[in-house]
Amino acid sequence: MLEVGDIVESKSGHDAKKFFVVVATLNEKYVLIADGWTRKLDSPKQKNVRHIRLVKKAESTQTYVDDKSIADELAKLDIV
């Protein structure tokens, strides 16, 4: 199951092959994702967990407090 802070890649939709951070879990089927650029924390995208794949599990101390921290984390991984 995906957790807040996990880095994921979209497998389908207009955002396919883009990377995001899980910012909330709604239930076992849906999560909210943001990337800090086009999808910000104040308007995250709802995504079906079947349409994303896990890239990196969240570290227990990892927190994202703003859009810049999300964008910086994705940029550090050289996956954007």
PDB file of N, CA and C in Angstrom:
ATOM      1  N   MET A   1       0.843  -1.191   0.000  1.00  0.00           N
ATOM      2  CA  MET A   1       0.000   0.000   0.000  1.00  0.00           C
ATOM      3  C   MET A   1       0.883   1.247   0.000  1.00  0.00           C
ATOM      4  N   LEU A   2       0.454   2.238  -0.739  1.00  0.00           N
ATOM      5  CA  LEU A   2       1.206   3.487  -0.828  1.00  0.00           C
ATOM      6  C   LEU A   2       1.002   4.328   0.422  1.00  0.00           C
ATOM      7  N   GLU A   3       2.063   5.053   0.788  1.00  0.00           N
ATOM      8  CA  GLU A   3       2.022   5.907   1.968  1.00  0.00           C
ATOM      9  C   GLU A   3       2.381   7.328   1.588  1.00  0.00           C
ATOM     10  N   VAL A   4       2.034   8.264   2.443  1.00  0.00           N
ATOM     11  CA  VAL A   4       2.377   9.665   2.221  1.00  0.00           C
ATOM     12  C   VAL A   4       3.891   9.786   2.160  1.00  0.00           C
ATOM     13  N   GLY A   5       4.376  10.492   1.134  1.00  0.00           N
ATOM     14  CA  GLY A   5       5.811  10.683   0.954  1.00  0.00           C
ATOM     15  C   GLY A   5       6.430   9.772  -0.083  1.00  0.00           C
ATOM     16  N   ASP A   6       5.726   8.717  -0.483  1.00  0.00           N
ATOM     17  CA  ASP A   6       6.245   7.820  -1.517  1.00  0.00           C
ATOM     18  C   ASP A   6       6.345   8.557  -2.853  1.00  0.00           C
ATOM     19  N   ILE A   7       7.378   8.243  -3.620  1.00  0.00           N
ATOM     20  CA  ILE A   7       7.528   8.805  -4.953  1.00  0.00           C
ATOM     21  C   ILE A   7       6.996   7.783  -5.945  1.00  0.00           C
ATOM     22  N   VAL A   8       6.122   8.244  -6.841  1.00  0.00           N
ATOM     23  CA  VAL A   8       5.443   7.358  -7.785  1.00  0.00           C
ATOM     24  C   VAL A   8       5.555   7.903  -9.204  1.00  0.00           C
ATOM     25  N   GLU A   9       5.332   7.015 -10.165  1.00  0.00           N
ATOM     26  CA  GLU A   9       5.287   7.392 -11.575  1.00  0.00           C
ATOM     27  C   GLU A   9       3.902   7.074 -12.107  1.00  0.00           C
ATOM     28  N   SER A  10       3.331   8.001 -12.842  1.00  0.00           N
ATOM     29  CA  SER A  10       2.028   7.788 -13.452  1.00  0.00           C
ATOM     30  C   SER A  10       2.185   6.847 -14.641  1.00  0.00           C
ATOM     31  N   LYS A  11       1.327   5.829 -14.723  1.00  0.00           N
ATOM     32  CA  LYS A  11       1.385   4.867 -15.822  1.00  0.00           C
ATOM     33  C   LYS A  11       0.364   5.159 -16.907  1.00  0.00           C
ATOM     34  N   SER A  12      -0.642   5.966 -16.607  1.00  0.00           N
ATOM     35  CA  SER A  12      -1.683   6.232 -17.594  1.00  0.00           C
ATOM     36  C   SER A  12      -2.235   7.636 -17.427  1.00  0.00           C
ATOM     37  N   GLY A  13      -2.966   8.076 -18.421  1.00  0.00           N
ATOM     38  CA  GLY A  13      -3.553   9.403 -18.410  1.00  0.00           C
ATOM     39  C   GLY A  13      -2.665  10.406 -19.107  1.00  0.00           C
ATOM     40  N   HIS A  14      -3.078  11.671 -19.114  1.00  0.00           N
ATOM     41  CA  HIS A  14      -2.291  12.701 -19.792  1.00  0.00           C
ATOM     42  C   HIS A  14      -0.976  12.985 -19.076  1.00  0.00           C
ATOM     43  N   ASP A  15      -0.854  12.542 -17.829  1.00  0.00           N
ATOM     44  CA  ASP A  15       0.374  12.735 -17.063  1.00  0.00           C
ATOM     45  C   ASP A  15       1.244  11.471 -17.032  1.00  0.00           C
ATOM     46  N   ALA A  16       1.054  10.564 -17.977  1.00  0.00           N
ATOM     47  CA  ALA A  16       1.823   9.320 -18.022  1.00  0.00           C
ATOM     48  C   ALA A  16       3.322   9.620 -18.095  1.00  0.00           C
ATOM     49  N   LYS A  17       4.091   8.803 -17.407  1.00  0.00           N
ATOM     50  CA  LYS A  17       5.558   8.882 -17.347  1.00  0.00           C
ATOM     51  C   LYS A  17       6.064  10.104 -16.589  1.00  0.00           C
ATOM     52  N   LYS A  18       5.209  10.747 -15.794  1.00  0.00           N
ATOM     53  CA  LYS A  18       5.635  11.853 -14.942  1.00  0.00           C
ATOM     54  C   LYS A  18       5.695  11.355 -13.503  1.00  0.00           C
ATOM     55  N   PHE A  19       6.521  12.013 -12.701  1.00  0.00           N
ATOM     56  CA  PHE A  19       6.758  11.585 -11.332  1.00  0.00           C
ATOM     57  C   PHE A  19       6.101  12.535 -10.347  1.00  0.00           C
ATOM     58  N   PHE A  20       5.611  11.960  -9.253  1.00  0.00           N
ATOM     59  CA  PHE A  20       4.869  12.697  -8.244  1.00  0.00           C
ATOM     60  C   PHE A  20       5.204  12.167  -6.865  1.00  0.00           C
ATOM     61  N   VAL A  21       4.766  12.916  -5.861  1.00  0.00           N
ATOM     62  CA  VAL A  21       4.860  12.484  -4.464  1.00  0.00           C
ATOM     63  C   VAL A  21       3.444  12.295  -3.945  1.00  0.00           C
ATOM     64  N   VAL A  22       3.215  11.209  -3.236  1.00  0.00           N
ATOM     65  CA  VAL A  22       1.907  10.967  -2.613  1.00  0.00           C
ATOM     66  C   VAL A  22       1.783  11.926  -1.431  1.00  0.00           C
ATOM     67  N   VAL A  23       0.745  12.759  -1.449  1.00  0.00           N
ATOM     68  CA  VAL A  23       0.551  13.726  -0.370  1.00  0.00           C
ATOM     69  C   VAL A  23      -0.585  13.334   0.568  1.00  0.00           C
ATOM     70  N   ALA A  24      -1.420  12.383   0.157  1.00  0.00           N
ATOM     71  CA  ALA A  24      -2.503  11.898   1.017  1.00  0.00           C
ATOM     72  C   ALA A  24      -3.042  10.592   0.447  1.00  0.00           C
ATOM     73  N   THR A  25      -3.561   9.760   1.327  1.00  0.00           N
ATOM     74  CA  THR A  25      -4.251   8.553   0.885  1.00  0.00           C
ATOM     75  C   THR A  25      -5.724   8.731   1.223  1.00  0.00           C
ATOM     76  N   LEU A  26      -6.589   8.503   0.237  1.00  0.00           N
ATOM     77  CA  LEU A  26      -8.027   8.665   0.452  1.00  0.00           C
ATOM     78  C   LEU A  26      -8.642   7.362   0.953  1.00  0.00           C
ATOM     79  N   ASN A  27      -8.243   6.257   0.328  1.00  0.00           N
ATOM     80  CA  ASN A  27      -8.672   4.922   0.738  1.00  0.00           C
ATOM     81  C   ASN A  27      -7.729   3.938   0.067  1.00  0.00           C
ATOM     82  N   GLU A  28      -8.071   2.665   0.030  1.00  0.00           N
ATOM     83  CA  GLU A  28      -7.174   1.670  -0.565  1.00  0.00           C
ATOM     84  C   GLU A  28      -7.081   1.789  -2.085  1.00  0.00           C
ATOM     85  N   LYS A  29      -7.977   2.535  -2.723  1.00  0.00           N
ATOM     86  CA  LYS A  29      -7.978   2.660  -4.183  1.00  0.00           C
ATOM     87  C   LYS A  29      -7.426   3.984  -4.703  1.00  0.00           C
ATOM     88  N   TYR A  30      -7.494   5.041  -3.917  1.00  0.00           N
ATOM     89  CA  TYR A  30      -7.135   6.364  -4.418  1.00  0.00           C
ATOM     90  C   TYR A  30      -6.159   7.092  -3.500  1.00  0.00           C
ATOM     91  N   VAL A  31      -5.253   7.850  -4.136  1.00  0.00           N
ATOM     92  CA  VAL A  31      -4.321   8.709  -3.419  1.00  0.00           C
ATOM     93  C   VAL A  31      -4.343  10.084  -4.071  1.00  0.00           C
ATOM     94  N   LEU A  32      -3.821  11.067  -3.364  1.00  0.00           N
ATOM     95  CA  LEU A  32      -3.632  12.404  -3.914  1.00  0.00           C
ATOM     96  C   LEU A  32      -2.142  12.589  -4.165  1.00  0.00           C
ATOM     97  N   ILE A  33      -1.790  13.119  -5.356  1.00  0.00           N
ATOM     98  CA  ILE A  33      -0.395  13.274  -5.720  1.00  0.00           C
ATOM     99  C   ILE A  33      -0.116  14.713  -6.143  1.00  0.00           C
ATOM    100  N   ALA A  34       1.138  15.143  -5.949  1.00  0.00           N
ATOM    101  CA  ALA A  34       1.574  16.480  -6.355  1.00  0.00           C
ATOM    102  C   ALA A  34       3.015  16.391  -6.822  1.00  0.00           C
ATOM    103  N   ASP A  35       3.406  17.350  -7.686  1.00  0.00           N
ATOM    104  CA  ASP A  35       4.790  17.373  -8.147  1.00  0.00           C
ATOM    105  C   ASP A  35       5.510  18.683  -7.821  1.00  0.00           C
ATOM    106  N   GLY A  36       4.799  19.647  -7.270  1.00  0.00           N
ATOM    107  CA  GLY A  36       5.409  20.908  -6.890  1.00  0.00           C
ATOM    108  C   GLY A  36       5.468  21.926  -8.013  1.00  0.00           C
ATOM    109  N   TRP A  37       5.240  21.516  -9.256  1.00  0.00           N
ATOM    110  CA  TRP A  37       5.268  22.440 -10.398  1.00  0.00           C
ATOM    111  C   TRP A  37       3.860  22.618 -10.943  1.00  0.00           C
ATOM    112  N   THR A  38       3.369  21.632 -11.664  1.00  0.00           N
ATOM    113  CA  THR A  38       2.044  21.750 -12.266  1.00  0.00           C
ATOM    114  C   THR A  38       0.945  21.331 -11.307  1.00  0.00           C
ATOM    115  N   ARG A  39       1.226  20.380 -10.473  1.00  0.00           N
ATOM    116  CA  ARG A  39       0.276  19.934  -9.439  1.00  0.00           C
ATOM    117  C   ARG A  39       0.833  20.324  -8.088  1.00  0.00           C
ATOM    118  N   LYS A  40       0.223  21.331  -7.489  1.00  0.00           N
ATOM    119  CA  LYS A  40       0.709  21.873  -6.230  1.00  0.00           C
ATOM    120  C   LYS A  40      -0.045  21.240  -5.060  1.00  0.00           C
ATOM    121  N   LEU A  41       0.458  21.490  -3.859  1.00  0.00           N
ATOM    122  CA  LEU A  41      -0.168  20.936  -2.655  1.00  0.00           C
ATOM    123  C   LEU A  41      -1.596  21.438  -2.449  1.00  0.00           C
ATOM    124  N   ASP A  42      -1.890  22.655  -2.901  1.00  0.00           N
ATOM    125  CA  ASP A  42      -3.239  23.184  -2.706  1.00  0.00           C
ATOM    126  C   ASP A  42      -4.251  22.652  -3.726  1.00  0.00           C
ATOM    127  N   SER A  43      -3.759  21.946  -4.771  1.00  0.00           N
ATOM    128  CA  SER A  43      -4.665  21.322  -5.741  1.00  0.00           C
ATOM    129  C   SER A  43      -4.056  20.008  -6.256  1.00  0.00           C
ATOM    130  N   PRO A  44      -3.916  19.019  -5.378  1.00  0.00           N
ATOM    131  CA  PRO A  44      -3.321  17.746  -5.802  1.00  0.00           C
ATOM    132  C   PRO A  44      -4.266  16.966  -6.715  1.00  0.00           C
ATOM    133  N   LYS A  45      -3.689  16.032  -7.455  1.00  0.00           N
ATOM    134  CA  LYS A  45      -4.470  15.209  -8.380  1.00  0.00           C
ATOM    135  C   LYS A  45      -4.881  13.918  -7.690  1.00  0.00           C
ATOM    136  N   GLN A  46      -6.140  13.555  -7.827  1.00  0.00           N
ATOM    137  CA  GLN A  46      -6.606  12.264  -7.332  1.00  0.00           C
ATOM    138  C   GLN A  46      -6.235  11.214  -8.368  1.00  0.00           C
ATOM    139  N   LYS A  47      -5.624  10.118  -7.926  1.00  0.00           N
ATOM    140  CA  LYS A  47      -5.161   9.099  -8.870  1.00  0.00           C
ATOM    141  C   LYS A  47      -5.480   7.717  -8.317  1.00  0.00           C
ATOM    142  N   ASN A  48      -5.948   6.845  -9.203  1.00  0.00           N
ATOM    143  CA  ASN A  48      -6.205   5.452  -8.862  1.00  0.00           C
ATOM    144  C   ASN A  48      -4.857   4.760  -8.676  1.00  0.00           C
ATOM    145  N   VAL A  49      -4.697   3.983  -7.620  1.00  0.00           N
ATOM    146  CA  VAL A  49      -3.408   3.334  -7.348  1.00  0.00           C
ATOM    147  C   VAL A  49      -3.032   2.330  -8.432  1.00  0.00           C
ATOM    148  N   ARG A  50      -3.983   1.848  -9.200  1.00  0.00           N
ATOM    149  CA  ARG A  50      -3.667   0.939 -10.310  1.00  0.00           C
ATOM    150  C   ARG A  50      -2.978   1.667 -11.453  1.00  0.00           C
ATOM    151  N   HIS A  51      -3.078   2.991 -11.482  1.00  0.00           N
ATOM    152  CA  HIS A  51      -2.530   3.778 -12.573  1.00  0.00           C
ATOM    153  C   HIS A  51      -1.195   4.423 -12.242  1.00  0.00           C
ATOM    154  N   ILE A  52      -0.608   4.059 -11.107  1.00  0.00           N
ATOM    155  CA  ILE A  52       0.704   4.563 -10.732  1.00  0.00           C
ATOM    156  C   ILE A  52       1.574   3.414 -10.256  1.00  0.00           C
ATOM    157  N   ARG A  53       2.899   3.618 -10.349  1.00  0.00           N
ATOM    158  CA  ARG A  53       3.814   2.606  -9.835  1.00  0.00           C
ATOM    159  C   ARG A  53       4.767   3.260  -8.851  1.00  0.00           C
ATOM    160  N   LEU A  54       5.140   2.520  -7.834  1.00  0.00           N
ATOM    161  CA  LEU A  54       6.043   3.003  -6.801  1.00  0.00           C
ATOM    162  C   LEU A  54       7.461   3.094  -7.349  1.00  0.00           C
ATOM    163  N   VAL A  55       8.111   4.226  -7.153  1.00  0.00           N
ATOM    164  CA  VAL A  55       9.498   4.418  -7.559  1.00  0.00           C
ATOM    165  C   VAL A  55      10.413   4.340  -6.347  1.00  0.00           C
ATOM    166  N   LYS A  56      10.017   5.009  -5.250  1.00  0.00           N
ATOM    167  CA  LYS A  56      10.837   5.045  -4.037  1.00  0.00           C
ATOM    168  C   LYS A  56       9.936   5.188  -2.822  1.00  0.00           C
ATOM    169  N   LYS A  57      10.163   4.326  -1.834  1.00  0.00           N
ATOM    170  CA  LYS A  57       9.416   4.416  -0.581  1.00  0.00           C
ATOM    171  C   LYS A  57       9.868   5.633   0.207  1.00  0.00           C
ATOM    172  N   ALA A  58       8.967   6.191   0.969  1.00  0.00           N
ATOM    173  CA  ALA A  58       9.281   7.350   1.804  1.00  0.00           C
ATOM    174  C   ALA A  58      10.159   6.930   2.963  1.00  0.00           C
ATOM    175  N   GLU A  59      11.109   7.791   3.300  1.00  0.00           N
ATOM    176  CA  GLU A  59      11.884   7.579   4.508  1.00  0.00           C
ATOM    177  C   GLU A  59      11.016   8.001   5.681  1.00  0.00           C
ATOM    178  N   SER A  60      11.210   7.375   6.819  1.00  0.00           N
ATOM    179  CA  SER A  60      10.332   7.632   7.963  1.00  0.00           C
ATOM    180  C   SER A  60      10.380   9.087   8.423  1.00  0.00           C
ATOM    181  N   THR A  61      11.505   9.771   8.177  1.00  0.00           N
ATOM    182  CA  THR A  61      11.623  11.158   8.619  1.00  0.00           C
ATOM    183  C   THR A  61      11.294  12.162   7.522  1.00  0.00           C
ATOM    184  N   GLN A  62      10.953  11.680   6.347  1.00  0.00           N
ATOM    185  CA  GLN A  62      10.715  12.550   5.191  1.00  0.00           C
ATOM    186  C   GLN A  62       9.359  13.239   5.294  1.00  0.00           C
ATOM    187  N   THR A  63       9.353  14.570   5.230  1.00  0.00           N
ATOM    188  CA  THR A  63       8.099  15.319   5.190  1.00  0.00           C
ATOM    189  C   THR A  63       8.198  16.397   4.130  1.00  0.00           C
ATOM    190  N   TYR A  64       7.102  16.673   3.490  1.00  0.00           N
ATOM    191  CA  TYR A  64       7.033  17.699   2.470  1.00  0.00           C
ATOM    192  C   TYR A  64       6.078  18.777   2.957  1.00  0.00           C
ATOM    193  N   VAL A  65       6.612  19.937   3.243  1.00  0.00           N
ATOM    194  CA  VAL A  65       5.796  21.001   3.825  1.00  0.00           C
ATOM    195  C   VAL A  65       5.345  22.030   2.802  1.00  0.00           C
ATOM    196  N   ASP A  66       6.003  22.063   1.636  1.00  0.00           N
ATOM    197  CA  ASP A  66       5.613  23.028   0.615  1.00  0.00           C
ATOM    198  C   ASP A  66       5.956  22.484  -0.769  1.00  0.00           C
ATOM    199  N   ASP A  67       5.518  23.212  -1.791  1.00  0.00           N
ATOM    200  CA  ASP A  67       5.739  22.775  -3.168  1.00  0.00           C
ATOM    201  C   ASP A  67       7.221  22.724  -3.525  1.00  0.00           C
ATOM    202  N   LYS A  68       8.002  23.639  -2.985  1.00  0.00           N
ATOM    203  CA  LYS A  68       9.433  23.665  -3.281  1.00  0.00           C
ATOM    204  C   LYS A  68      10.128  22.410  -2.775  1.00  0.00           C
ATOM    205  N   SER A  69       9.754  21.934  -1.595  1.00  0.00           N
ATOM    206  CA  SER A  69      10.392  20.718  -1.067  1.00  0.00           C
ATOM    207  C   SER A  69      10.057  19.498  -1.917  1.00  0.00           C
ATOM    208  N   ILE A  70       8.858  19.440  -2.465  1.00  0.00           N
ATOM    209  CA  ILE A  70       8.475  18.341  -3.360  1.00  0.00           C
ATOM    210  C   ILE A  70       9.268  18.430  -4.658  1.00  0.00           C
ATOM    211  N   ALA A  71       9.300  19.622  -5.260  1.00  0.00           N
ATOM    212  CA  ALA A  71      10.019  19.812  -6.515  1.00  0.00           C
ATOM    213  C   ALA A  71      11.505  19.525  -6.341  1.00  0.00           C
ATOM    214  N   ASP A  72      12.083  19.962  -5.226  1.00  0.00           N
ATOM    215  CA  ASP A  72      13.507  19.717  -4.967  1.00  0.00           C
ATOM    216  C   ASP A  72      13.796  18.229  -4.822  1.00  0.00           C
ATOM    217  N   GLU A  73      12.932  17.502  -4.141  1.00  0.00           N
ATOM    218  CA  GLU A  73      13.133  16.062  -3.958  1.00  0.00           C
ATOM    219  C   GLU A  73      13.069  15.324  -5.299  1.00  0.00           C
ATOM    220  N   LEU A  74      12.115  15.672  -6.132  1.00  0.00           N
ATOM    221  CA  LEU A  74      12.011  15.037  -7.442  1.00  0.00           C
ATOM    222  C   LEU A  74      13.213  15.398  -8.316  1.00  0.00           C
ATOM    223  N   ALA A  75      13.681  16.632  -8.226  1.00  0.00           N
ATOM    224  CA  ALA A  75      14.845  17.049  -9.017  1.00  0.00           C
ATOM    225  C   ALA A  75      16.116  16.341  -8.552  1.00  0.00           C
ATOM    226  N   LYS A  76      16.251  16.088  -7.256  1.00  0.00           N
ATOM    227  CA  LYS A  76      17.429  15.387  -6.727  1.00  0.00           C
ATOM    228  C   LYS A  76      17.568  13.976  -7.287  1.00  0.00           C
ATOM    229  N   LEU A  77      16.447  13.364  -7.586  1.00  0.00           N
ATOM    230  CA  LEU A  77      16.464  11.981  -8.039  1.00  0.00           C
ATOM    231  C   LEU A  77      16.776  11.854  -9.520  1.00  0.00           C
ATOM    232  N   ASP A  78      16.912  12.965 -10.231  1.00  0.00           N
ATOM    233  CA  ASP A  78      17.174  12.939 -11.676  1.00  0.00           C
ATOM    234  C   ASP A  78      16.149  12.124 -12.436  1.00  0.00           C
ATOM    235  N   ILE A  79      14.876  12.240 -12.037  1.00  0.00           N
ATOM    236  CA  ILE A  79      13.830  11.485 -12.704  1.00  0.00           C
ATOM    237  C   ILE A  79      12.810  12.398 -13.357  1.00  0.00           C
ATOM    238  N   VAL A  80      12.992  13.684 -13.218  1.00  0.00           N
ATOM    239  CA  VAL A  80      12.025  14.628 -13.775  1.00  0.00           C
ATOM    240  C   VAL A  80      12.458  15.029 -15.164  1.00  0.00           C
TER     241      VAL A  80
END
